[in-house]
PDB file of N, CA and C in Angstrom:
ATOM      1  N   UNK A   1       1.538   9.884  -8.263  1.00  0.00           N
ATOM      2  CA  UNK A   1       0.656  10.669  -7.417  1.00  0.00           C
ATOM      3  C   UNK A   1      -0.070   9.718  -6.457  1.00  0.00           C
ATOM      4  N   UNK A   2      -0.195  10.150  -5.220  1.00  0.00           N
ATOM      5  CA  UNK A   2      -0.853   9.339  -4.200  1.00  0.00           C
ATOM      6  C   UNK A   2      -2.369   9.357  -4.405  1.00  0.00           C
ATOM      7  N   UNK A   3      -2.999   8.278  -4.011  1.00  0.00           N
ATOM      8  CA  UNK A   3      -4.462   8.248  -4.022  1.00  0.00           C
ATOM      9  C   UNK A   3      -4.976   9.073  -2.839  1.00  0.00           C
ATOM     10  N   UNK A   4      -6.250   9.395  -2.851  1.00  0.00           N
ATOM     11  CA  UNK A   4      -6.849  10.108  -1.725  1.00  0.00           C
ATOM     12  C   UNK A   4      -6.711   9.294  -0.446  1.00  0.00           C
ATOM     13  N   UNK A   5      -6.889   8.003  -0.535  1.00  0.00           N
ATOM     14  CA  UNK A   5      -6.752   7.122   0.636  1.00  0.00           C
ATOM     15  C   UNK A   5      -5.340   7.182   1.188  1.00  0.00           C
ATOM     16  N   UNK A   6      -4.347   7.074   0.307  1.00  0.00           N
ATOM     17  CA  UNK A   6      -2.953   7.145   0.753  1.00  0.00           C
ATOM     18  C   UNK A   6      -2.637   8.499   1.382  1.00  0.00           C
ATOM     19  N   UNK A   7      -3.173   9.557   0.809  1.00  0.00           N
ATOM     20  CA  UNK A   7      -2.933  10.895   1.343  1.00  0.00           C
ATOM     21  C   UNK A   7      -3.614  11.074   2.697  1.00  0.00           C
ATOM     22  N   UNK A   8      -4.815  10.527   2.862  1.00  0.00           N
ATOM     23  CA  UNK A   8      -5.514  10.611   4.146  1.00  0.00           C
ATOM     24  C   UNK A   8      -4.732   9.873   5.239  1.00  0.00           C
ATOM     25  N   UNK A   9      -4.174   8.713   4.904  1.00  0.00           N
ATOM     26  CA  UNK A   9      -3.347   7.961   5.854  1.00  0.00           C
ATOM     27  C   UNK A   9      -2.098   8.761   6.196  1.00  0.00           C
ATOM     28  N   UNK A  10      -1.440   9.299   5.190  1.00  0.00           N
ATOM     29  CA  UNK A  10      -0.248  10.109   5.419  1.00  0.00           C
ATOM     30  C   UNK A  10      -0.554  11.292   6.323  1.00  0.00           C
ATOM     31  N   UNK A  11      -1.636  12.002   6.049  1.00  0.00           N
ATOM     32  CA  UNK A  11      -1.991  13.178   6.836  1.00  0.00           C
ATOM     33  C   UNK A  11      -2.223  12.815   8.300  1.00  0.00           C
ATOM     34  N   UNK A  12      -2.920  11.723   8.550  1.00  0.00           N
ATOM     35  CA  UNK A  12      -3.157  11.296   9.933  1.00  0.00           C
ATOM     36  C   UNK A  12      -1.847  10.924  10.618  1.00  0.00           C
ATOM     37  N   UNK A  13      -1.016  10.171   9.926  1.00  0.00           N
ATOM     38  CA  UNK A  13       0.236   9.712  10.520  1.00  0.00           C
ATOM     39  C   UNK A  13       1.194  10.861  10.803  1.00  0.00           C
ATOM     40  N   UNK A  14       1.340  11.773   9.866  1.00  0.00           N
ATOM     41  CA  UNK A  14       2.283  12.874  10.055  1.00  0.00           C
ATOM     42  C   UNK A  14       1.817  13.802  11.169  1.00  0.00           C
ATOM     43  N   UNK A  15       0.518  13.958  11.314  1.00  0.00           N
ATOM     44  CA  UNK A  15       0.005  14.816  12.371  1.00  0.00           C
ATOM     45  C   UNK A  15       0.215  14.182  13.740  1.00  0.00           C
ATOM     46  N   UNK A  16       0.048  12.873  13.861  1.00  0.00           N
ATOM     47  CA  UNK A  16       0.324  12.209  15.142  1.00  0.00           C
ATOM     48  C   UNK A  16       1.804  12.315  15.501  1.00  0.00           C
ATOM     49  N   UNK A  17       2.676  12.095  14.524  1.00  0.00           N
ATOM     50  CA  UNK A  17       4.114  12.196  14.788  1.00  0.00           C
ATOM     51  C   UNK A  17       4.518  13.597  15.198  1.00  0.00           C
ATOM     52  N   UNK A  18       3.994  14.588  14.510  1.00  0.00           N
ATOM     53  CA  UNK A  18       4.309  15.979  14.843  1.00  0.00           C
ATOM     54  C   UNK A  18       3.764  16.332  16.225  1.00  0.00           C
ATOM     55  N   UNK A  19       2.539  15.926  16.509  1.00  0.00           N
ATOM     56  CA  UNK A  19       1.928  16.185  17.811  1.00  0.00           C
ATOM     57  C   UNK A  19       2.803  15.604  18.918  1.00  0.00           C
ATOM     58  N   UNK A  20       3.190  14.370  18.757  1.00  0.00           N
ATOM     59  CA  UNK A  20       4.011  13.691  19.759  1.00  0.00           C
ATOM     60  C   UNK A  20       5.293  14.478  20.022  1.00  0.00           C
ATOM     61  N   UNK A  21       6.025  14.786  18.984  1.00  0.00           N
ATOM     62  CA  UNK A  21       7.325  15.429  19.156  1.00  0.00           C
ATOM     63  C   UNK A  21       7.220  16.897  19.545  1.00  0.00           C
ATOM     64  N   UNK A  22       6.135  17.542  19.201  1.00  0.00           N
ATOM     65  CA  UNK A  22       5.954  18.943  19.577  1.00  0.00           C
ATOM     66  C   UNK A  22       5.623  19.101  21.050  1.00  0.00           C
ATOM     67  N   UNK A  23       4.815  18.199  21.614  1.00  0.00           N
ATOM     68  CA  UNK A  23       4.285  18.398  22.959  1.00  0.00           C
ATOM     69  C   UNK A  23       4.995  17.619  24.056  1.00  0.00           C
ATOM     70  N   UNK A  24       5.688  16.530  23.729  1.00  0.00           N
ATOM     71  CA  UNK A  24       6.399  15.771  24.765  1.00  0.00           C
ATOM     72  C   UNK A  24       7.404  16.690  25.451  1.00  0.00           C
ATOM     73  N   UNK A  25       7.430  16.652  26.767  1.00  0.00           N
ATOM     74  CA  UNK A  25       8.316  17.497  27.560  1.00  0.00           C
ATOM     75  C   UNK A  25       7.637  18.737  28.112  1.00  0.00           C
ATOM     76  N   UNK A  26       6.412  19.008  27.654  1.00  0.00           N
ATOM     77  CA  UNK A  26       5.674  20.169  28.140  1.00  0.00           C
ATOM     78  C   UNK A  26       5.351  19.993  29.623  1.00  0.00           C
ATOM     79  N   UNK A  27       5.555  21.013  30.437  1.00  0.00           N
ATOM     80  CA  UNK A  27       5.158  20.924  31.842  1.00  0.00           C
ATOM     81  C   UNK A  27       3.645  20.728  31.957  1.00  0.00           C
ATOM     82  N   UNK A  28       3.230  19.805  32.833  1.00  0.00           N
ATOM     83  CA  UNK A  28       1.811  19.490  32.995  1.00  0.00           C
ATOM     84  C   UNK A  28       1.568  18.991  34.414  1.00  0.00           C
ATOM     85  N   UNK A  29       0.373  19.216  34.890  1.00  0.00           N
ATOM     86  CA  UNK A  29      -0.063  18.672  36.173  1.00  0.00           C
ATOM     87  C   UNK A  29      -1.527  18.280  36.013  1.00  0.00           C
ATOM     88  N   UNK A  30      -2.062  17.503  36.944  1.00  0.00           N
ATOM     89  CA  UNK A  30      -3.481  17.186  36.844  1.00  0.00           C
ATOM     90  C   UNK A  30      -4.353  18.445  36.781  1.00  0.00           C
ATOM     91  N   UNK A  31      -3.920  19.521  37.418  1.00  0.00           N
ATOM     92  CA  UNK A  31      -4.704  20.760  37.414  1.00  0.00           C
ATOM     93  C   UNK A  31      -4.680  21.477  36.065  1.00  0.00           C
ATOM     94  N   UNK A  32      -3.635  21.259  35.262  1.00  0.00           N
ATOM     95  CA  UNK A  32      -3.531  21.948  33.971  1.00  0.00           C
ATOM     96  C   UNK A  32      -3.783  21.031  32.777  1.00  0.00           C
ATOM     97  N   UNK A  33      -3.996  19.743  33.030  1.00  0.00           N
ATOM     98  CA  UNK A  33      -4.123  18.761  31.946  1.00  0.00           C
ATOM     99  C   UNK A  33      -5.278  19.074  30.996  1.00  0.00           C
ATOM    100  N   UNK A  34      -6.420  19.478  31.509  1.00  0.00           N
ATOM    101  CA  UNK A  34      -7.574  19.758  30.637  1.00  0.00           C
ATOM    102  C   UNK A  34      -7.280  20.932  29.700  1.00  0.00           C
ATOM    103  N   UNK A  35      -6.596  21.944  30.208  1.00  0.00           N
ATOM    104  CA  UNK A  35      -6.228  23.088  29.372  1.00  0.00           C
ATOM    105  C   UNK A  35      -5.268  22.652  28.271  1.00  0.00           C
ATOM    106  N   UNK A  36      -4.312  21.816  28.621  1.00  0.00           N
ATOM    107  CA  UNK A  36      -3.347  21.318  27.635  1.00  0.00           C
ATOM    108  C   UNK A  36      -4.033  20.428  26.599  1.00  0.00           C
ATOM    109  N   UNK A  37      -4.949  19.576  27.029  1.00  0.00           N
ATOM    110  CA  UNK A  37      -5.703  18.748  26.082  1.00  0.00           C
ATOM    111  C   UNK A  37      -6.409  19.620  25.050  1.00  0.00           C
ATOM    112  N   UNK A  38      -7.085  20.654  25.524  1.00  0.00           N
ATOM    113  CA  UNK A  38      -7.805  21.555  24.609  1.00  0.00           C
ATOM    114  C   UNK A  38      -6.846  22.283  23.678  1.00  0.00           C
ATOM    115  N   UNK A  39      -5.719  22.728  24.206  1.00  0.00           N
ATOM    116  CA  UNK A  39      -4.744  23.445  23.375  1.00  0.00           C
ATOM    117  C   UNK A  39      -4.216  22.549  22.260  1.00  0.00           C
ATOM    118  N   UNK A  40      -3.912  21.303  22.572  1.00  0.00           N
ATOM    119  CA  UNK A  40      -3.422  20.370  21.552  1.00  0.00           C
ATOM    120  C   UNK A  40      -4.506  20.123  20.505  1.00  0.00           C
ATOM    121  N   UNK A  41      -5.725  19.857  20.964  1.00  0.00           N
ATOM    122  CA  UNK A  41      -6.838  19.617  20.035  1.00  0.00           C
ATOM    123  C   UNK A  41      -7.049  20.808  19.119  1.00  0.00           C
ATOM    124  N   UNK A  42      -7.077  21.994  19.668  1.00  0.00           N
ATOM    125  CA  UNK A  42      -7.335  23.183  18.862  1.00  0.00           C
ATOM    126  C   UNK A  42      -6.189  23.470  17.901  1.00  0.00           C
ATOM    127  N   UNK A  43      -4.967  23.247  18.328  1.00  0.00           N
ATOM    128  CA  UNK A  43      -3.801  23.485  17.484  1.00  0.00           C
ATOM    129  C   UNK A  43      -3.758  22.513  16.309  1.00  0.00           C
ATOM    130  N   UNK A  44      -3.848  21.228  16.604  1.00  0.00           N
ATOM    131  CA  UNK A  44      -3.787  20.218  15.539  1.00  0.00           C
ATOM    132  C   UNK A  44      -5.028  20.300  14.662  1.00  0.00           C
ATOM    133  N   UNK A  45      -6.163  20.624  15.256  1.00  0.00           N
ATOM    134  CA  UNK A  45      -7.406  20.727  14.505  1.00  0.00           C
ATOM    135  C   UNK A  45      -7.405  21.820  13.447  1.00  0.00           C
ATOM    136  N   UNK A  46      -6.503  22.781  13.550  1.00  0.00           N
ATOM    137  CA  UNK A  46      -6.393  23.839  12.541  1.00  0.00           C
ATOM    138  C   UNK A  46      -5.757  23.361  11.242  1.00  0.00           C
ATOM    139  N   UNK A  47      -5.040  22.255  11.305  1.00  0.00           N
ATOM    140  CA  UNK A  47      -4.248  21.809  10.164  1.00  0.00           C
ATOM    141  C   UNK A  47      -5.121  21.228   9.050  1.00  0.00           C
ATOM    142  N   UNK A  48      -4.615  21.303   7.827  1.00  0.00           N
ATOM    143  CA  UNK A  48      -5.383  20.794   6.682  1.00  0.00           C
ATOM    144  C   UNK A  48      -5.763  19.323   6.850  1.00  0.00           C
ATOM    145  N   UNK A  49      -6.959  19.001   6.404  1.00  0.00           N
ATOM    146  CA  UNK A  49      -7.506  17.651   6.300  1.00  0.00           C
ATOM    147  C   UNK A  49      -7.973  17.051   7.628  1.00  0.00           C
ATOM    148  N   UNK A  50      -7.757  17.712   8.750  1.00  0.00           N
ATOM    149  CA  UNK A  50      -8.211  17.183  10.038  1.00  0.00           C
ATOM    150  C   UNK A  50      -9.701  17.465  10.166  1.00  0.00           C
ATOM    151  N   UNK A  51     -10.480  16.396  10.369  1.00  0.00           N
ATOM    152  CA  UNK A  51     -11.926  16.556  10.555  1.00  0.00           C
ATOM    153  C   UNK A  51     -12.352  16.283  11.987  1.00  0.00           C
ATOM    154  N   UNK A  52     -11.463  15.715  12.774  1.00  0.00           N
ATOM    155  CA  UNK A  52     -11.777  15.460  14.174  1.00  0.00           C
ATOM    156  C   UNK A  52     -10.540  15.041  14.943  1.00  0.00           C
ATOM    157  N   UNK A  53     -10.451  15.485  16.201  1.00  0.00           N
ATOM    158  CA  UNK A  53      -9.353  15.057  17.067  1.00  0.00           C
ATOM    159  C   UNK A  53      -9.812  15.135  18.509  1.00  0.00           C
ATOM    160  N   UNK A  54      -9.479  14.111  19.279  1.00  0.00           N
ATOM    161  CA  UNK A  54      -9.686  14.130  20.726  1.00  0.00           C
ATOM    162  C   UNK A  54      -8.365  13.766  21.382  1.00  0.00           C
ATOM    163  N   UNK A  55      -8.054  14.485  22.445  1.00  0.00           N
ATOM    164  CA  UNK A  55      -6.812  14.265  23.182  1.00  0.00           C
ATOM    165  C   UNK A  55      -7.170  14.055  24.641  1.00  0.00           C
ATOM    166  N   UNK A  56      -6.637  12.990  25.216  1.00  0.00           N
ATOM    167  CA  UNK A  56      -6.809  12.715  26.636  1.00  0.00           C
ATOM    168  C   UNK A  56      -5.439  12.418  27.219  1.00  0.00           C
ATOM    169  N   UNK A  57      -5.150  13.006  28.368  1.00  0.00           N
ATOM    170  CA  UNK A  57      -3.872  12.790  29.042  1.00  0.00           C
ATOM    171  C   UNK A  57      -4.114  12.010  30.334  1.00  0.00           C
ATOM    172  N   UNK A  58      -3.317  10.989  30.546  1.00  0.00           N
ATOM    173  CA  UNK A  58      -3.461  10.112  31.716  1.00  0.00           C
ATOM    174  C   UNK A  58      -2.903  10.816  32.951  1.00  0.00           C
ATOM    175  N   UNK A  59      -3.790  11.358  33.744  1.00  0.00           N
ATOM    176  CA  UNK A  59      -3.384  12.101  34.926  1.00  0.00           C
ATOM    177  C   UNK A  59      -2.702  11.230  35.971  1.00  0.00           C
ATOM    178  N   UNK A  60      -2.981   9.929  35.972  1.00  0.00           N
ATOM    179  CA  UNK A  60      -2.367   9.039  36.961  1.00  0.00           C
ATOM    180  C   UNK A  60      -0.857   8.889  36.742  1.00  0.00           C
ATOM    181  N   UNK A  61      -0.376   9.269  35.564  1.00  0.00           N
ATOM    182  CA  UNK A  61       1.056   9.165  35.257  1.00  0.00           C
ATOM    183  C   UNK A  61       1.777  10.500  35.479  1.00  0.00           C
ATOM    184  N   UNK A  62       1.077  11.473  36.042  1.00  0.00           N
ATOM    185  CA  UNK A  62       1.644  12.816  36.235  1.00  0.00           C
ATOM    186  C   UNK A  62       2.175  12.984  37.652  1.00  0.00           C
ATOM    187  N   UNK A  63       3.215  12.234  37.971  1.00  0.00           N
ATOM    188  CA  UNK A  63       3.850  12.375  39.281  1.00  0.00           C
ATOM    189  C   UNK A  63       4.651  13.666  39.284  1.00  0.00           C
ATOM    190  N   UNK A  64       4.304  14.563  40.179  1.00  0.00           N
ATOM    191  CA  UNK A  64       4.950  15.862  40.218  1.00  0.00           C
ATOM    192  C   UNK A  64       6.397  15.800  40.689  1.00  0.00           C
ATOM    193  N   UNK A  65       7.204  16.685  40.135  1.00  0.00           N
ATOM    194  CA  UNK A  65       8.584  16.825  40.589  1.00  0.00           C
ATOM    195  C   UNK A  65       8.606  17.737  41.823  1.00  0.00           C
ATOM    196  N   UNK A  66       9.775  18.173  42.238  1.00  0.00           N
ATOM    197  CA  UNK A  66       9.860  18.999  43.449  1.00  0.00           C
ATOM    198  C   UNK A  66       9.160  20.349  43.292  1.00  0.00           C
ATOM    199  N   UNK A  67       8.866  20.734  42.051  1.00  0.00           N
ATOM    200  CA  UNK A  67       8.171  21.988  41.802  1.00  0.00           C
ATOM    201  C   UNK A  67       6.676  21.784  41.542  1.00  0.00           C
ATOM    202  N   UNK A  68       6.201  20.532  41.634  1.00  0.00           N
ATOM    203  CA  UNK A  68       4.778  20.269  41.559  1.00  0.00           C
ATOM    204  C   UNK A  68       4.213  19.958  40.186  1.00  0.00           C
ATOM    205  N   UNK A  69       5.055  19.746  39.198  1.00  0.00           N
ATOM    206  CA  UNK A  69       4.535  19.403  37.874  1.00  0.00           C
ATOM    207  C   UNK A  69       5.339  18.237  37.292  1.00  0.00           C
ATOM    208  N   UNK A  70       4.772  17.613  36.267  1.00  0.00           N
ATOM    209  CA  UNK A  70       5.431  16.528  35.547  1.00  0.00           C
ATOM    210  C   UNK A  70       5.753  17.017  34.140  1.00  0.00           C
ATOM    211  N   UNK A  71       6.552  16.265  33.442  1.00  0.00           N
ATOM    212  CA  UNK A  71       6.786  16.529  32.029  1.00  0.00           C
ATOM    213  C   UNK A  71       5.936  15.559  31.231  1.00  0.00           C
ATOM    214  N   UNK A  72       5.233  16.098  30.247  1.00  0.00           N
ATOM    215  CA  UNK A  72       4.365  15.272  29.417  1.00  0.00           C
ATOM    216  C   UNK A  72       5.191  14.199  28.716  1.00  0.00           C
ATOM    217  N   UNK A  73       4.748  12.958  28.845  1.00  0.00           N
ATOM    218  CA  UNK A  73       5.408  11.811  28.218  1.00  0.00           C
ATOM    219  C   UNK A  73       4.474  11.191  27.192  1.00  0.00           C
ATOM    220  N   UNK A  74       5.056  10.549  26.199  1.00  0.00           N
ATOM    221  CA  UNK A  74       4.265   9.909  25.152  1.00  0.00           C
ATOM    222  C   UNK A  74       3.276   8.900  25.683  1.00  0.00           C
ATOM    223  N   UNK A  75       3.626   8.230  26.779  1.00  0.00           N
ATOM    224  CA  UNK A  75       2.737   7.214  27.338  1.00  0.00           C
ATOM    225  C   UNK A  75       1.536   7.813  28.064  1.00  0.00           C
ATOM    226  N   UNK A  76       1.498   9.132  28.200  1.00  0.00           N
ATOM    227  CA  UNK A  76       0.345   9.792  28.818  1.00  0.00           C
ATOM    228  C   UNK A  76      -0.762  10.077  27.808  1.00  0.00           C
ATOM    229  N   UNK A  77      -0.441  10.014  26.526  1.00  0.00           N
ATOM    230  CA  UNK A  77      -1.384  10.391  25.471  1.00  0.00           C
ATOM    231  C   UNK A  77      -2.376   9.286  25.117  1.00  0.00           C
ATOM    232  N   UNK A  78      -3.614   9.675  24.908  1.00  0.00           N
ATOM    233  CA  UNK A  78      -4.566   8.915  24.116  1.00  0.00           C
ATOM    234  C   UNK A  78      -5.134   9.934  23.135  1.00  0.00           C
ATOM    235  N   UNK A  79      -4.853   9.735  21.859  1.00  0.00           N
ATOM    236  CA  UNK A  79      -5.269  10.674  20.825  1.00  0.00           C
ATOM    237  C   UNK A  79      -5.968   9.898  19.722  1.00  0.00           C
ATOM    238  N   UNK A  80      -7.119  10.377  19.324  1.00  0.00           N
ATOM    239  CA  UNK A  80      -7.802   9.853  18.141  1.00  0.00           C
ATOM    240  C   UNK A  80      -7.909  11.003  17.152  1.00  0.00           C
ATOM    241  N   UNK A  81      -7.515  10.747  15.905  1.00  0.00           N
ATOM    242  CA  UNK A  81      -7.568  11.775  14.871  1.00  0.00           C
ATOM    243  C   UNK A  81      -8.226  11.195  13.628  1.00  0.00           C
ATOM    244  N   UNK A  82      -9.015  12.015  12.975  1.00  0.00           N
ATOM    245  CA  UNK A  82      -9.634  11.633  11.707  1.00  0.00           C
ATOM    246  C   UNK A  82      -9.249  12.672  10.668  1.00  0.00           C
ATOM    247  N   UNK A  83      -8.808  12.181   9.520  1.00  0.00           N
ATOM    248  CA  UNK A  83      -8.486  13.058   8.407  1.00  0.00           C
ATOM    249  C   UNK A  83      -9.360  12.674   7.223  1.00  0.00           C
ATOM    250  N   UNK A  84      -9.581  13.649   6.340  1.00  0.00           N
ATOM    251  CA  UNK A  84     -10.368  13.384   5.134  1.00  0.00           C
ATOM    252  C   UNK A  84      -9.718  14.104   3.969  1.00  0.00           C
ATOM    253  N   UNK A  85      -9.450  13.348   2.913  1.00  0.00           N
ATOM    254  CA  UNK A  85      -8.919  13.890   1.666  1.00  0.00           C
ATOM    255  C   UNK A  85      -9.851  13.422   0.564  1.00  0.00           C
ATOM    256  N   UNK A  86     -10.551  14.365  -0.062  1.00  0.00           N
ATOM    257  CA  UNK A  86     -11.528  13.979  -1.076  1.00  0.00           C
ATOM    258  C   UNK A  86     -12.583  13.083  -0.468  1.00  0.00           C
ATOM    259  N   UNK A  87     -12.723  11.888  -1.011  1.00  0.00           N
ATOM    260  CA  UNK A  87     -13.720  10.934  -0.533  1.00  0.00           C
ATOM    261  C   UNK A  87     -13.154   9.937   0.468  1.00  0.00           C
ATOM    262  N   UNK A  88     -11.877  10.058   0.797  1.00  0.00           N
ATOM    263  CA  UNK A  88     -11.220   9.090   1.673  1.00  0.00           C
ATOM    264  C   UNK A  88     -11.039   9.650   3.078  1.00  0.00           C
ATOM    265  N   UNK A  89     -11.343   8.827   4.072  1.00  0.00           N
ATOM    266  CA  UNK A  89     -11.168   9.192   5.477  1.00  0.00           C
ATOM    267  C   UNK A  89     -10.267   8.178   6.160  1.00  0.00           C
ATOM    268  N   UNK A  90      -9.503   8.674   7.130  1.00  0.00           N
ATOM    269  CA  UNK A  90      -8.621   7.813   7.906  1.00  0.00           C
ATOM    270  C   UNK A  90      -8.788   8.133   9.384  1.00  0.00           C
ATOM    271  N   UNK A  91      -8.899   7.098  10.198  1.00  0.00           N
ATOM    272  CA  UNK A  91      -8.939   7.234  11.650  1.00  0.00           C
ATOM    273  C   UNK A  91      -7.652   6.600  12.174  1.00  0.00           C
ATOM    274  N   UNK A  92      -6.862   7.394  12.910  1.00  0.00           N
ATOM    275  CA  UNK A  92      -5.612   6.910  13.497  1.00  0.00           C
ATOM    276  C   UNK A  92      -5.602   7.259  14.976  1.00  0.00           C
ATOM    277  N   UNK A  93      -4.706   6.616  15.719  1.00  0.00           N
ATOM    278  CA  UNK A  93      -4.632   6.929  17.141  1.00  0.00           C
ATOM    279  C   UNK A  93      -3.222   6.761  17.682  1.00  0.00           C
ATOM    280  N   UNK A  94      -3.019   7.407  18.799  1.00  0.00           N
ATOM    281  CA  UNK A  94      -1.811   7.285  19.607  1.00  0.00           C
ATOM    282  C   UNK A  94      -2.293   6.890  20.988  1.00  0.00           C
ATOM    283  N   UNK A  95      -1.772   5.799  21.515  1.00  0.00           N
ATOM    284  CA  UNK A  95      -2.185   5.343  22.839  1.00  0.00           C
ATOM    285  C   UNK A  95      -1.077   4.493  23.446  1.00  0.00           C
ATOM    286  N   UNK A  96      -1.181   4.310  24.742  1.00  0.00           N
ATOM    287  CA  UNK A  96      -0.185   3.477  25.423  1.00  0.00           C
ATOM    288  C   UNK A  96      -0.526   2.009  25.219  1.00  0.00           C
ATOM    289  N   UNK A  97       0.445   1.268  24.759  1.00  0.00           N
ATOM    290  CA  UNK A  97       0.313  -0.189  24.669  1.00  0.00           C
ATOM    291  C   UNK A  97       1.450  -0.744  25.503  1.00  0.00           C
ATOM    292  N   UNK A  98       1.096  -1.409  26.589  1.00  0.00           N
ATOM    293  CA  UNK A  98       2.062  -1.788  27.608  1.00  0.00           C
ATOM    294  C   UNK A  98       2.718  -0.493  28.090  1.00  0.00           C
ATOM    295  N   UNK A  99       3.981  -0.301  27.861  1.00  0.00           N
ATOM    296  CA  UNK A  99       4.614   0.946  28.287  1.00  0.00           C
ATOM    297  C   UNK A  99       5.235   1.662  27.094  1.00  0.00           C
ATOM    298  N   UNK A 100       4.535   1.603  25.960  1.00  0.00           N
ATOM    299  CA  UNK A 100       5.041   2.204  24.728  1.00  0.00           C
ATOM    300  C   UNK A 100       3.966   3.097  24.101  1.00  0.00           C
ATOM    301  N   UNK A 101       4.326   4.287  23.621  1.00  0.00           N
ATOM    302  CA  UNK A 101       3.346   5.157  22.951  1.00  0.00           C
ATOM    303  C   UNK A 101       3.157   4.727  21.495  1.00  0.00           C
ATOM    304  N   UNK A 102       2.179   3.896  21.248  1.00  0.00           N
ATOM    305  CA  UNK A 102       1.956   3.295  19.931  1.00  0.00           C
ATOM    306  C   UNK A 102       1.067   4.166  19.052  1.00  0.00           C
ATOM    307  N   UNK A 103       1.507   4.392  17.826  1.00  0.00           N
ATOM    308  CA  UNK A 103       0.693   5.079  16.825  1.00  0.00           C
ATOM    309  C   UNK A 103       0.241   4.029  15.824  1.00  0.00           C
ATOM    310  N   UNK A 104      -1.030   4.078  15.457  1.00  0.00           N
ATOM    311  CA  UNK A 104      -1.540   3.093  14.516  1.00  0.00           C
ATOM    312  C   UNK A 104      -2.718   3.630  13.728  1.00  0.00           C
ATOM    313  N   UNK A 105      -2.876   3.079  12.539  1.00  0.00           N
ATOM    314  CA  UNK A 105      -4.038   3.358  11.711  1.00  0.00           C
ATOM    315  C   UNK A 105      -5.144   2.421  12.183  1.00  0.00           C
ATOM    316  N   UNK A 106      -6.286   2.985  12.534  1.00  0.00           N
ATOM    317  CA  UNK A 106      -7.409   2.191  13.022  1.00  0.00           C
ATOM    318  C   UNK A 106      -8.272   1.730  11.855  1.00  0.00           C
ATOM    319  N   UNK A 107      -8.606   2.667  10.962  1.00  0.00           N
ATOM    320  CA  UNK A 107      -9.438   2.313   9.814  1.00  0.00           C
ATOM    321  C   UNK A 107      -9.326   3.384   8.744  1.00  0.00           C
ATOM    322  N   UNK A 108      -9.625   2.981   7.539  1.00  0.00           N
ATOM    323  CA  UNK A 108      -9.699   3.889   6.392  1.00  0.00           C
ATOM    324  C   UNK A 108     -10.889   3.457   5.558  1.00  0.00           C
ATOM    325  N   UNK A 109     -11.545   4.430   4.964  1.00  0.00           N
ATOM    326  CA  UNK A 109     -12.630   4.088   4.056  1.00  0.00           C
ATOM    327  C   UNK A 109     -12.811   5.208   3.038  1.00  0.00           C
ATOM    328  N   UNK A 110     -13.472   4.836   1.967  1.00  0.00           N
ATOM    329  CA  UNK A 110     -13.789   5.800   0.919  1.00  0.00           C
ATOM    330  C   UNK A 110     -15.298   5.810   0.710  1.00  0.00           C
ATOM    331  N   UNK A 111     -15.826   6.987   0.419  1.00  0.00           N
ATOM    332  CA  UNK A 111     -17.243   7.071   0.134  1.00  0.00           C
ATOM    333  C   UNK A 111     -17.550   6.266  -1.115  1.00  0.00           C
ATOM    334  N   UNK A 112     -18.643   5.521  -1.121  1.00  0.00           N
ATOM    335  CA  UNK A 112     -18.995   4.730  -2.299  1.00  0.00           C
ATOM    336  C   UNK A 112     -19.156   5.603  -3.532  1.00  0.00           C
ATOM    337  N   UNK A 113     -18.739   5.068  -4.657  1.00  0.00           N
ATOM    338  CA  UNK A 113     -18.915   5.753  -5.927  1.00  0.00           C
ATOM    339  C   UNK A 113     -17.804   6.701  -6.284  1.00  0.00           C
ATOM    340  N   UNK A 114     -16.758   6.786  -5.454  1.00  0.00           N
ATOM    341  CA  UNK A 114     -15.624   7.657  -5.754  1.00  0.00           C
ATOM    342  C   UNK A 114     -14.400   6.792  -6.032  1.00  0.00           C
ATOM    343  N   UNK A 115     -13.636   7.126  -7.052  1.00  0.00           N
ATOM    344  CA  UNK A 115     -12.497   6.301  -7.431  1.00  0.00           C
ATOM    345  C   UNK A 115     -11.300   6.421  -6.505  1.00  0.00           C
ATOM    346  N   UNK A 116     -11.230   7.446  -5.644  1.00  0.00           N
ATOM    347  CA  UNK A 116     -10.107   7.572  -4.725  1.00  0.00           C
ATOM    348  C   UNK A 116      -8.903   8.242  -5.321  1.00  0.00           C
ATOM    349  N   UNK A 117      -9.068   8.991  -6.373  1.00  0.00           N
ATOM    350  CA  UNK A 117      -7.933   9.699  -6.985  1.00  0.00           C
ATOM    351  C   UNK A 117      -8.171  11.184  -6.946  1.00  0.00           C
TER     352      UNK A 117
END
């Protein structure tokens, strides 16, 4: 059985991966980016163990096609997510590093006095 800490890390990681693969390719423009950011936040925020999420899309990378919109790319995302399982919390993020959409665990902690199981 996984510890609460391990489960919190798993929950954050799986949600970032799902978010990435669910939304990449979505039509977006600078005019619709804020609506899409909110939709992603509200959708992912409904899932179990999510205690916080912020989504920001890099509008400077939204070069419109002949119809005036771009397709959402992984390198446009900056996402911070926090999950909590029992006494354990995990902060993870998705952001552009050079020209790659990097997902990483930023920090994990457990409330003092809890064994983490």
